[in-house]
């Protein structure tokens, strides 16, 4: 069987990794096709042939980011045991990962604003990802309320927004240069807000 067309002359995975880092650092609109081609080491025809469009490349970059970072930050919420430990683990993992050396800093999804930059479809996807994060935190806290780990009167949705808001704020601070130790301090301070059970 004859294969038509020229074989791809670049590593698609490596090119996608480079694009992901660039989008993460600069955002969707501020990253030009020329920027992407330089970072990926390819010409624009190869970029379009491999990824289709800048929008499609960004969508793949979001997937790539999630594959690499979501398990490292969110896995504690799925672990058995007390919800307090799960939430603390989530915040401490964020403190360790968000300012990681050699990376742009912060969370690509938290810091993204493609929807406000004229790309409605990508904006909806980003908002959905953030909503899913909030739902994860709220579900873990709801379990704690059901088992009595949290007081019955706890406003679970508000508490979920509080802890996620802390994590999102840590993302902004990581982008601005906060260290892992500084963010760990934020995480531990936030845990002081955990509601005490009635005695």
N, C-alpha and C. Protein backbone atom coordinates (compact mmCIF):
# COMPACT_ATOMS: atom_id res chain seq x y z
N UNK A 1 0.84 -1.18 0.00
CA UNK A 1 0.00 0.00 0.00
C UNK A 1 0.89 1.24 0.00
N UNK A 2 0.59 2.16 -0.91
CA UNK A 2 1.39 3.37 -1.04
C UNK A 2 0.87 4.45 -0.11
N UNK A 3 1.77 5.06 0.66
CA UNK A 3 1.40 6.16 1.55
C UNK A 3 1.61 7.47 0.82
N UNK A 4 0.55 8.25 0.69
CA UNK A 4 0.65 9.52 -0.03
C UNK A 4 1.07 10.64 0.91
N UNK A 5 1.67 11.65 0.32
CA UNK A 5 2.06 12.82 1.10
C UNK A 5 3.45 12.65 1.70
N UNK A 6 4.01 13.77 2.09
CA UNK A 6 5.35 13.74 2.69
C UNK A 6 5.25 13.36 4.16
N UNK A 7 6.19 12.55 4.65
CA UNK A 7 6.17 12.21 6.08
C UNK A 7 6.43 13.45 6.93
N UNK A 8 5.80 13.48 8.10
CA UNK A 8 6.01 14.61 9.00
C UNK A 8 7.45 14.62 9.46
N UNK A 9 8.09 15.79 9.41
CA UNK A 9 9.52 15.88 9.70
C UNK A 9 9.79 16.48 11.08
N UNK A 10 8.82 16.42 11.95
CA UNK A 10 9.04 16.94 13.30
C UNK A 10 8.30 16.06 14.30
N UNK A 11 8.70 16.18 15.55
CA UNK A 11 8.09 15.42 16.65
C UNK A 11 6.84 16.16 17.09
N UNK A 12 5.67 15.61 16.78
CA UNK A 12 4.42 16.31 17.09
C UNK A 12 4.25 16.51 18.60
N UNK A 13 4.59 15.51 19.40
CA UNK A 13 4.44 15.64 20.85
C UNK A 13 5.33 16.74 21.41
N UNK A 14 6.57 16.79 20.94
CA UNK A 14 7.49 17.84 21.41
C UNK A 14 6.99 19.21 20.98
N UNK A 15 6.47 19.30 19.76
CA UNK A 15 5.94 20.57 19.28
C UNK A 15 4.74 20.99 20.11
N UNK A 16 3.88 20.04 20.45
CA UNK A 16 2.70 20.36 21.28
C UNK A 16 3.13 20.80 22.67
N UNK A 17 4.13 20.16 23.23
CA UNK A 17 4.64 20.57 24.54
C UNK A 17 5.14 22.02 24.49
N UNK A 18 5.85 22.37 23.44
CA UNK A 18 6.36 23.73 23.30
C UNK A 18 5.22 24.73 23.16
N UNK A 19 4.21 24.37 22.38
CA UNK A 19 3.05 25.26 22.22
C UNK A 19 2.30 25.43 23.53
N UNK A 20 2.17 24.34 24.28
CA UNK A 20 1.47 24.40 25.56
C UNK A 20 2.16 25.38 26.51
N UNK A 21 3.47 25.26 26.60
CA UNK A 21 4.22 26.17 27.48
C UNK A 21 4.07 27.62 27.05
N UNK A 22 4.09 27.86 25.75
CA UNK A 22 3.96 29.22 25.25
C UNK A 22 2.57 29.79 25.51
N UNK A 23 1.54 29.02 25.22
CA UNK A 23 0.17 29.47 25.50
C UNK A 23 -0.02 29.70 27.00
N UNK A 24 0.53 28.83 27.80
CA UNK A 24 0.45 28.93 29.25
C UNK A 24 1.08 30.25 29.72
N UNK A 25 2.21 30.60 29.14
CA UNK A 25 2.93 31.80 29.55
C UNK A 25 2.27 33.09 29.05
N UNK A 26 1.85 33.10 27.78
CA UNK A 26 1.41 34.34 27.14
C UNK A 26 -0.10 34.49 26.99
N UNK A 27 -0.84 33.37 27.05
CA UNK A 27 -2.26 33.42 26.79
C UNK A 27 -2.56 33.21 25.32
N UNK A 28 -3.84 33.06 24.99
CA UNK A 28 -4.24 32.72 23.63
C UNK A 28 -3.99 33.86 22.66
N UNK A 29 -4.51 35.03 22.93
CA UNK A 29 -4.44 36.13 21.97
C UNK A 29 -3.02 36.65 21.78
N UNK A 30 -2.28 36.78 22.88
CA UNK A 30 -0.93 37.35 22.80
C UNK A 30 0.06 36.41 22.12
N UNK A 31 -0.30 35.16 21.93
CA UNK A 31 0.57 34.21 21.26
C UNK A 31 0.24 34.21 19.77
N UNK A 32 1.17 34.63 18.95
CA UNK A 32 0.93 34.68 17.51
C UNK A 32 1.36 33.37 16.85
N UNK A 33 0.93 33.18 15.62
CA UNK A 33 1.36 32.02 14.85
C UNK A 33 2.88 32.04 14.68
N UNK A 34 3.45 33.22 14.47
CA UNK A 34 4.90 33.32 14.35
C UNK A 34 5.59 32.89 15.63
N UNK A 35 5.04 33.30 16.79
CA UNK A 35 5.58 32.87 18.09
C UNK A 35 5.55 31.35 18.19
N UNK A 36 4.41 30.78 17.83
CA UNK A 36 4.25 29.34 17.93
C UNK A 36 5.23 28.60 17.02
N UNK A 37 5.38 29.09 15.81
CA UNK A 37 6.30 28.43 14.88
C UNK A 37 7.73 28.46 15.40
N UNK A 38 8.13 29.59 15.97
CA UNK A 38 9.48 29.69 16.54
C UNK A 38 9.65 28.71 17.70
N UNK A 39 8.67 28.68 18.59
CA UNK A 39 8.78 27.81 19.77
C UNK A 39 8.73 26.33 19.39
N UNK A 40 7.92 26.00 18.40
CA UNK A 40 7.73 24.61 18.00
C UNK A 40 8.78 24.14 17.00
N UNK A 41 9.52 25.09 16.42
CA UNK A 41 10.55 24.73 15.45
C UNK A 41 10.00 24.25 14.12
N UNK A 42 8.86 24.79 13.72
CA UNK A 42 8.24 24.37 12.46
C UNK A 42 7.76 25.60 11.70
N UNK A 43 7.43 25.41 10.43
CA UNK A 43 6.86 26.48 9.61
C UNK A 43 5.34 26.44 9.71
N UNK A 44 4.71 27.55 9.38
CA UNK A 44 3.26 27.64 9.53
C UNK A 44 2.49 26.58 8.74
N UNK A 45 2.91 26.21 7.50
CA UNK A 45 2.17 25.15 6.81
C UNK A 45 2.16 23.84 7.60
N UNK A 46 3.27 23.53 8.26
CA UNK A 46 3.34 22.31 9.07
C UNK A 46 2.43 22.42 10.29
N UNK A 47 2.39 23.62 10.89
CA UNK A 47 1.52 23.82 12.04
C UNK A 47 0.06 23.57 11.65
N UNK A 48 -0.37 24.18 10.55
CA UNK A 48 -1.77 24.02 10.13
C UNK A 48 -2.06 22.59 9.69
N UNK A 49 -1.09 21.95 9.05
CA UNK A 49 -1.30 20.57 8.60
C UNK A 49 -1.44 19.62 9.79
N UNK A 50 -0.67 19.87 10.84
CA UNK A 50 -0.66 18.96 11.99
C UNK A 50 -1.78 19.24 12.99
N UNK A 51 -2.14 20.52 13.14
CA UNK A 51 -3.08 20.89 14.20
C UNK A 51 -4.37 21.54 13.70
N UNK A 52 -4.40 21.98 12.48
CA UNK A 52 -5.62 22.53 11.91
C UNK A 52 -5.75 24.03 12.01
N UNK A 53 -5.59 24.57 13.20
CA UNK A 53 -5.75 26.00 13.43
C UNK A 53 -5.14 26.36 14.77
N UNK A 54 -4.99 27.64 15.00
CA UNK A 54 -4.49 28.10 16.29
C UNK A 54 -5.45 27.69 17.41
N UNK A 55 -6.77 27.81 17.15
CA UNK A 55 -7.77 27.45 18.15
C UNK A 55 -7.69 25.96 18.49
N UNK A 56 -7.57 25.13 17.45
CA UNK A 56 -7.47 23.68 17.70
C UNK A 56 -6.19 23.33 18.43
N UNK A 57 -5.11 24.02 18.12
CA UNK A 57 -3.85 23.80 18.82
C UNK A 57 -3.98 24.18 20.29
N UNK A 58 -4.64 25.29 20.56
CA UNK A 58 -4.84 25.71 21.95
C UNK A 58 -5.67 24.67 22.71
N UNK A 59 -6.72 24.14 22.05
CA UNK A 59 -7.55 23.12 22.70
C UNK A 59 -6.70 21.88 23.03
N UNK A 60 -5.82 21.49 22.12
CA UNK A 60 -4.93 20.36 22.41
C UNK A 60 -3.96 20.70 23.53
N UNK A 61 -3.53 21.95 23.58
CA UNK A 61 -2.62 22.38 24.64
C UNK A 61 -3.30 22.29 26.00
N UNK A 62 -4.57 22.65 26.06
CA UNK A 62 -5.32 22.51 27.31
C UNK A 62 -5.38 21.04 27.74
N UNK A 63 -5.61 20.16 26.78
CA UNK A 63 -5.63 18.73 27.10
C UNK A 63 -4.27 18.26 27.59
N UNK A 64 -3.23 18.74 26.94
CA UNK A 64 -1.87 18.35 27.32
C UNK A 64 -1.57 18.83 28.75
N UNK A 65 -1.95 20.07 29.04
CA UNK A 65 -1.74 20.59 30.38
C UNK A 65 -2.47 19.74 31.41
N UNK A 66 -3.74 19.42 31.13
CA UNK A 66 -4.54 18.64 32.07
C UNK A 66 -3.92 17.27 32.31
N UNK A 67 -3.42 16.63 31.27
CA UNK A 67 -2.79 15.32 31.41
C UNK A 67 -1.59 15.37 32.35
N UNK A 68 -0.82 16.44 32.25
CA UNK A 68 0.40 16.52 33.03
C UNK A 68 0.22 17.02 34.45
N UNK A 69 -0.77 17.89 34.65
CA UNK A 69 -0.85 18.58 35.94
C UNK A 69 -2.08 18.24 36.78
N UNK A 70 -3.17 17.86 36.14
CA UNK A 70 -4.38 17.58 36.91
C UNK A 70 -4.18 16.49 37.96
N UNK A 71 -3.57 15.34 37.63
CA UNK A 71 -3.40 14.32 38.67
C UNK A 71 -2.51 14.78 39.82
N UNK A 72 -1.54 15.62 39.53
CA UNK A 72 -0.61 16.05 40.56
C UNK A 72 -1.26 17.00 41.56
N UNK A 73 -2.27 17.74 41.13
CA UNK A 73 -2.90 18.73 41.99
C UNK A 73 -4.20 18.21 42.61
N UNK A 74 -4.98 17.47 41.84
CA UNK A 74 -6.34 17.13 42.25
C UNK A 74 -6.51 15.75 42.84
N UNK A 75 -5.50 14.91 42.78
CA UNK A 75 -5.70 13.50 43.14
C UNK A 75 -6.12 13.30 44.60
N UNK A 76 -5.71 14.18 45.50
CA UNK A 76 -6.04 13.97 46.91
C UNK A 76 -7.54 14.03 47.16
N UNK A 77 -8.28 14.74 46.32
CA UNK A 77 -9.73 14.85 46.53
C UNK A 77 -10.43 13.51 46.31
N UNK A 78 -9.81 12.61 45.58
CA UNK A 78 -10.42 11.31 45.32
C UNK A 78 -9.96 10.24 46.31
N UNK A 79 -9.06 10.60 47.21
CA UNK A 79 -8.53 9.63 48.15
C UNK A 79 -9.51 9.38 49.29
N UNK A 80 -9.58 8.14 49.79
CA UNK A 80 -10.42 7.87 50.96
C UNK A 80 -9.85 8.54 52.20
N UNK A 81 -10.69 8.68 53.19
CA UNK A 81 -10.25 9.31 54.43
C UNK A 81 -10.95 10.62 54.67
N UNK A 82 -10.52 11.36 55.69
CA UNK A 82 -11.19 12.61 56.05
C UNK A 82 -11.11 13.65 54.94
N UNK A 83 -12.20 14.39 54.78
CA UNK A 83 -12.23 15.44 53.76
C UNK A 83 -11.24 16.55 54.09
N UNK A 84 -11.05 16.81 55.37
CA UNK A 84 -10.10 17.87 55.74
C UNK A 84 -8.71 17.57 55.19
N UNK A 85 -8.29 16.30 55.33
CA UNK A 85 -6.98 15.91 54.79
C UNK A 85 -6.96 16.01 53.27
N UNK A 86 -8.09 15.70 52.63
CA UNK A 86 -8.16 15.77 51.17
C UNK A 86 -8.03 17.21 50.68
N UNK A 87 -8.72 18.14 51.34
CA UNK A 87 -8.66 19.55 50.96
C UNK A 87 -7.26 20.10 51.24
N UNK A 88 -6.71 19.75 52.39
CA UNK A 88 -5.36 20.22 52.71
C UNK A 88 -4.35 19.67 51.70
N UNK A 89 -4.51 18.40 51.32
CA UNK A 89 -3.62 17.81 50.33
C UNK A 89 -3.72 18.52 48.99
N UNK A 90 -4.92 18.89 48.61
CA UNK A 90 -5.15 19.64 47.37
C UNK A 90 -4.42 20.97 47.39
N UNK A 91 -4.51 21.69 48.50
CA UNK A 91 -3.87 22.99 48.61
C UNK A 91 -2.34 22.86 48.69
N UNK A 92 -1.87 21.87 49.44
CA UNK A 92 -0.42 21.69 49.56
C UNK A 92 0.19 21.21 48.24
N UNK A 93 -0.53 20.37 47.51
CA UNK A 93 -0.04 19.95 46.19
C UNK A 93 0.03 21.15 45.26
N UNK A 94 -0.97 22.03 45.35
CA UNK A 94 -0.96 23.25 44.54
C UNK A 94 0.24 24.11 44.89
N UNK A 95 0.53 24.21 46.19
CA UNK A 95 1.68 25.01 46.63
C UNK A 95 2.98 24.47 46.07
N UNK A 96 3.07 23.15 45.93
CA UNK A 96 4.29 22.53 45.41
C UNK A 96 4.41 22.65 43.90
N UNK A 97 3.28 22.50 43.19
CA UNK A 97 3.30 22.40 41.74
C UNK A 97 3.21 23.75 41.04
N UNK A 98 2.37 24.65 41.54
CA UNK A 98 2.10 25.90 40.81
C UNK A 98 3.34 26.76 40.56
N UNK A 99 4.29 26.85 41.50
CA UNK A 99 5.49 27.67 41.22
C UNK A 99 6.67 26.86 40.70
N UNK A 100 6.41 25.71 40.12
CA UNK A 100 7.47 24.79 39.73
C UNK A 100 8.52 25.47 38.85
N UNK A 101 9.76 25.23 39.14
CA UNK A 101 10.87 25.83 38.40
C UNK A 101 10.86 25.39 36.95
N UNK A 102 11.15 26.33 36.05
CA UNK A 102 11.22 26.02 34.64
C UNK A 102 9.90 26.08 33.91
N UNK A 103 8.82 26.35 34.63
CA UNK A 103 7.50 26.45 34.03
C UNK A 103 7.00 27.89 34.17
N UNK A 104 5.95 28.25 33.43
CA UNK A 104 5.47 29.64 33.50
C UNK A 104 4.94 30.05 34.86
N UNK A 105 4.51 29.11 35.69
CA UNK A 105 3.96 29.44 37.00
C UNK A 105 2.46 29.62 36.95
N UNK A 106 1.78 29.16 38.01
CA UNK A 106 0.34 29.26 38.05
C UNK A 106 -0.32 28.16 37.24
N UNK A 107 -1.62 28.17 37.24
CA UNK A 107 -2.41 27.17 36.52
C UNK A 107 -2.85 27.72 35.17
N UNK A 108 -2.59 26.99 34.11
CA UNK A 108 -2.95 27.44 32.77
C UNK A 108 -4.44 27.71 32.65
N UNK A 109 -5.27 26.87 33.26
CA UNK A 109 -6.72 27.02 33.16
C UNK A 109 -7.20 28.20 33.99
N UNK A 110 -6.69 28.34 35.20
CA UNK A 110 -7.10 29.45 36.06
C UNK A 110 -6.75 30.79 35.43
N UNK A 111 -5.58 30.87 34.81
CA UNK A 111 -5.10 32.14 34.28
C UNK A 111 -5.59 32.42 32.87
N UNK A 112 -6.25 31.45 32.24
CA UNK A 112 -6.68 31.62 30.85
C UNK A 112 -7.84 32.60 30.73
N UNK A 113 -7.88 33.32 29.62
CA UNK A 113 -8.97 34.28 29.39
C UNK A 113 -9.37 34.31 27.92
N UNK A 114 -9.30 33.15 27.26
CA UNK A 114 -9.59 33.09 25.83
C UNK A 114 -10.99 33.57 25.51
N UNK A 115 -11.94 33.33 26.42
CA UNK A 115 -13.31 33.77 26.18
C UNK A 115 -13.44 35.27 26.12
N UNK A 116 -12.62 35.97 26.85
CA UNK A 116 -12.64 37.43 26.83
C UNK A 116 -11.76 37.99 25.71
N UNK A 117 -11.08 37.11 25.01
CA UNK A 117 -10.17 37.52 23.95
C UNK A 117 -10.74 37.22 22.57
N UNK A 118 -12.07 36.99 22.51
CA UNK A 118 -12.72 36.83 21.21
C UNK A 118 -12.93 35.41 20.74
N UNK A 119 -12.54 34.42 21.52
CA UNK A 119 -12.74 33.02 21.10
C UNK A 119 -13.77 32.38 22.03
N UNK A 120 -15.03 32.48 21.66
CA UNK A 120 -16.12 32.06 22.55
C UNK A 120 -16.09 30.57 22.87
N UNK A 121 -15.81 29.75 21.87
CA UNK A 121 -15.81 28.30 22.10
C UNK A 121 -14.75 27.89 23.11
N UNK A 122 -13.55 28.45 22.97
CA UNK A 122 -12.50 28.14 23.94
C UNK A 122 -12.84 28.70 25.31
N UNK A 123 -13.45 29.89 25.32
CA UNK A 123 -13.85 30.48 26.60
C UNK A 123 -14.83 29.59 27.34
N UNK A 124 -15.79 29.02 26.62
CA UNK A 124 -16.76 28.12 27.26
C UNK A 124 -16.07 26.88 27.80
N UNK A 125 -15.11 26.40 27.07
CA UNK A 125 -14.38 25.21 27.54
C UNK A 125 -13.61 25.51 28.82
N UNK A 126 -12.98 26.66 28.88
CA UNK A 126 -12.22 27.04 30.08
C UNK A 126 -13.15 27.20 31.27
N UNK A 127 -14.28 27.88 31.05
CA UNK A 127 -15.26 28.05 32.13
C UNK A 127 -15.78 26.70 32.61
N UNK A 128 -15.99 25.78 31.69
CA UNK A 128 -16.44 24.44 32.07
C UNK A 128 -15.40 23.73 32.92
N UNK A 129 -14.14 23.87 32.57
CA UNK A 129 -13.07 23.25 33.35
C UNK A 129 -13.03 23.82 34.76
N UNK A 130 -13.21 25.12 34.87
CA UNK A 130 -13.21 25.73 36.20
C UNK A 130 -14.42 25.27 37.01
N UNK A 131 -15.57 25.17 36.34
CA UNK A 131 -16.78 24.71 37.01
C UNK A 131 -16.62 23.27 37.50
N UNK A 132 -15.95 22.46 36.72
CA UNK A 132 -15.71 21.07 37.13
C UNK A 132 -14.82 21.02 38.36
N UNK A 133 -13.84 21.92 38.42
CA UNK A 133 -12.99 21.98 39.61
C UNK A 133 -13.79 22.34 40.84
N UNK A 134 -14.65 23.33 40.73
CA UNK A 134 -15.50 23.71 41.85
C UNK A 134 -16.40 22.56 42.26
N UNK A 135 -16.94 21.85 41.29
CA UNK A 135 -17.82 20.73 41.60
C UNK A 135 -17.08 19.63 42.35
N UNK A 136 -15.82 19.41 42.02
CA UNK A 136 -15.03 18.40 42.73
C UNK A 136 -14.86 18.75 44.20
N UNK A 137 -14.50 20.01 44.43
CA UNK A 137 -14.31 20.45 45.81
C UNK A 137 -15.63 20.38 46.58
N UNK A 138 -16.70 20.84 45.95
CA UNK A 138 -18.00 20.85 46.63
C UNK A 138 -18.47 19.43 46.93
N UNK A 139 -18.26 18.50 46.01
CA UNK A 139 -18.68 17.12 46.24
C UNK A 139 -17.93 16.50 47.42
N UNK A 140 -16.64 16.82 47.53
CA UNK A 140 -15.86 16.26 48.66
C UNK A 140 -16.35 16.84 49.97
N UNK A 141 -16.67 18.11 49.98
CA UNK A 141 -17.18 18.73 51.20
C UNK A 141 -18.59 18.25 51.53
N UNK A 142 -19.39 18.00 50.51
CA UNK A 142 -20.74 17.48 50.74
C UNK A 142 -20.68 16.11 51.41
N UNK A 143 -19.71 15.29 51.01
CA UNK A 143 -19.53 14.00 51.66
C UNK A 143 -19.21 14.19 53.14
N UNK A 144 -18.36 15.18 53.41
CA UNK A 144 -17.99 15.44 54.80
C UNK A 144 -19.19 15.89 55.61
N UNK A 145 -20.07 16.69 55.02
CA UNK A 145 -21.28 17.12 55.71
C UNK A 145 -22.21 15.93 55.97
N UNK A 146 -22.30 15.03 55.00
CA UNK A 146 -23.17 13.86 55.14
C UNK A 146 -22.69 12.91 56.23
N UNK A 147 -21.37 12.81 56.40
CA UNK A 147 -20.83 11.88 57.39
C UNK A 147 -20.65 12.50 58.77
N UNK A 148 -20.91 13.79 58.89
CA UNK A 148 -20.76 14.46 60.18
C UNK A 148 -19.38 15.04 60.41
N UNK A 149 -18.49 14.95 59.43
CA UNK A 149 -17.17 15.55 59.60
C UNK A 149 -17.27 17.07 59.62
N UNK A 150 -18.24 17.62 58.91
CA UNK A 150 -18.55 19.04 58.97
C UNK A 150 -19.86 19.24 59.72
N UNK A 151 -19.99 20.37 60.41
CA UNK A 151 -21.25 20.65 61.09
C UNK A 151 -22.42 20.66 60.11
N UNK A 152 -23.59 20.27 60.57
CA UNK A 152 -24.76 20.19 59.70
C UNK A 152 -25.10 21.54 59.09
N UNK A 153 -24.80 22.62 59.80
CA UNK A 153 -25.17 23.96 59.33
C UNK A 153 -24.15 24.54 58.33
N UNK A 154 -23.12 23.78 57.98
CA UNK A 154 -22.09 24.30 57.08
C UNK A 154 -22.68 24.67 55.71
N UNK A 155 -22.33 25.84 55.22
CA UNK A 155 -22.71 26.26 53.87
C UNK A 155 -21.69 25.65 52.92
N UNK A 156 -21.98 24.45 52.45
CA UNK A 156 -21.02 23.70 51.65
C UNK A 156 -20.64 24.43 50.36
N UNK A 157 -21.59 24.96 49.59
CA UNK A 157 -21.19 25.67 48.36
C UNK A 157 -20.26 26.86 48.64
N UNK A 158 -20.55 27.61 49.71
CA UNK A 158 -19.70 28.76 50.03
C UNK A 158 -18.31 28.30 50.46
N UNK A 159 -18.25 27.22 51.24
CA UNK A 159 -16.95 26.72 51.70
C UNK A 159 -16.14 26.19 50.51
N UNK A 160 -16.81 25.55 49.58
CA UNK A 160 -16.13 25.07 48.38
C UNK A 160 -15.55 26.24 47.59
N UNK A 161 -16.33 27.30 47.41
CA UNK A 161 -15.83 28.47 46.69
C UNK A 161 -14.66 29.12 47.44
N UNK A 162 -14.71 29.08 48.76
CA UNK A 162 -13.61 29.64 49.53
C UNK A 162 -12.30 28.88 49.26
N UNK A 163 -12.34 27.54 49.40
CA UNK A 163 -11.11 26.78 49.22
C UNK A 163 -10.62 26.83 47.78
N UNK A 164 -11.53 26.78 46.82
CA UNK A 164 -11.09 26.89 45.44
C UNK A 164 -10.56 28.29 45.16
N UNK A 165 -11.20 29.31 45.75
CA UNK A 165 -10.71 30.68 45.59
C UNK A 165 -9.30 30.85 46.13
N UNK A 166 -9.02 30.20 47.25
CA UNK A 166 -7.66 30.24 47.80
C UNK A 166 -6.68 29.62 46.79
N UNK A 167 -7.06 28.47 46.25
CA UNK A 167 -6.18 27.81 45.29
C UNK A 167 -5.98 28.64 44.03
N UNK A 168 -7.04 29.29 43.57
CA UNK A 168 -6.92 30.14 42.39
C UNK A 168 -6.06 31.37 42.68
N UNK A 169 -6.19 31.91 43.88
CA UNK A 169 -5.32 33.02 44.27
C UNK A 169 -3.87 32.60 44.36
N UNK A 170 -3.63 31.38 44.82
CA UNK A 170 -2.27 30.86 44.85
C UNK A 170 -1.68 30.77 43.45
N UNK A 171 -2.54 30.46 42.48
CA UNK A 171 -2.09 30.39 41.09
C UNK A 171 -1.60 31.75 40.60
N UNK A 172 -2.36 32.79 40.91
CA UNK A 172 -1.96 34.14 40.51
C UNK A 172 -0.65 34.52 41.20
N UNK A 173 -0.54 34.21 42.48
CA UNK A 173 0.67 34.56 43.22
C UNK A 173 1.88 33.78 42.69
N UNK A 174 1.66 32.52 42.30
CA UNK A 174 2.76 31.73 41.72
C UNK A 174 3.25 32.37 40.43
N UNK A 175 2.32 32.86 39.61
CA UNK A 175 2.71 33.53 38.37
C UNK A 175 3.52 34.79 38.69
N UNK A 176 3.21 35.43 39.81
CA UNK A 176 3.91 36.66 40.19
C UNK A 176 5.21 36.40 40.93
N UNK A 177 5.56 35.11 41.14
CA UNK A 177 6.85 34.79 41.73
C UNK A 177 6.84 34.24 43.14
N UNK A 178 5.66 33.99 43.71
CA UNK A 178 5.61 33.42 45.05
C UNK A 178 6.27 32.04 45.05
N UNK A 179 6.97 31.73 46.13
CA UNK A 179 7.67 30.45 46.23
C UNK A 179 6.73 29.37 46.76
N UNK A 180 7.18 28.13 46.65
CA UNK A 180 6.41 27.02 47.18
C UNK A 180 6.21 27.17 48.69
N UNK A 181 7.25 27.60 49.40
CA UNK A 181 7.12 27.80 50.84
C UNK A 181 6.11 28.87 51.19
N UNK A 182 6.11 29.95 50.45
CA UNK A 182 5.13 31.01 50.70
C UNK A 182 3.72 30.53 50.45
N UNK A 183 3.54 29.76 49.38
CA UNK A 183 2.20 29.26 49.07
C UNK A 183 1.76 28.18 50.06
N UNK A 184 2.70 27.43 50.57
CA UNK A 184 2.36 26.45 51.61
C UNK A 184 1.82 27.17 52.84
N UNK A 185 2.40 28.32 53.16
CA UNK A 185 1.90 29.11 54.28
C UNK A 185 0.46 29.56 54.04
N UNK A 186 0.16 29.95 52.81
CA UNK A 186 -1.22 30.32 52.47
C UNK A 186 -2.14 29.13 52.65
N UNK A 187 -1.72 27.97 52.18
CA UNK A 187 -2.55 26.77 52.29
C UNK A 187 -2.85 26.44 53.75
N UNK A 188 -1.84 26.49 54.59
CA UNK A 188 -2.05 26.15 55.99
C UNK A 188 -2.91 27.20 56.70
N UNK A 189 -2.75 28.45 56.31
CA UNK A 189 -3.60 29.49 56.90
C UNK A 189 -5.06 29.27 56.50
N UNK A 190 -5.28 28.87 55.25
CA UNK A 190 -6.64 28.63 54.79
C UNK A 190 -7.30 27.50 55.56
N UNK A 191 -6.53 26.49 55.92
CA UNK A 191 -7.11 25.36 56.64
C UNK A 191 -7.58 25.73 58.05
N UNK A 192 -7.11 26.87 58.55
CA UNK A 192 -7.60 27.34 59.85
C UNK A 192 -9.08 27.72 59.78
N UNK A 193 -9.59 27.90 58.57
CA UNK A 193 -11.00 28.25 58.40
C UNK A 193 -11.91 27.01 58.38
N UNK A 194 -11.33 25.83 58.50
CA UNK A 194 -12.16 24.62 58.50
C UNK A 194 -13.13 24.65 59.68
N UNK A 195 -14.41 24.49 59.42
CA UNK A 195 -15.39 24.62 60.51
C UNK A 195 -15.20 23.54 61.58
N UNK A 196 -15.28 23.97 62.83
CA UNK A 196 -15.17 23.03 63.95
C UNK A 196 -16.51 22.34 64.16
N UNK A 197 -16.43 21.05 64.48
CA UNK A 197 -17.66 20.31 64.78
C UNK A 197 -18.20 20.70 66.14
N UNK A 198 -19.52 20.64 66.27
CA UNK A 198 -20.13 20.91 67.56
C UNK A 198 -19.76 19.80 68.54
N UNK A 199 -19.50 20.20 69.76
CA UNK A 199 -19.13 19.20 70.76
C UNK A 199 -20.31 18.93 71.66
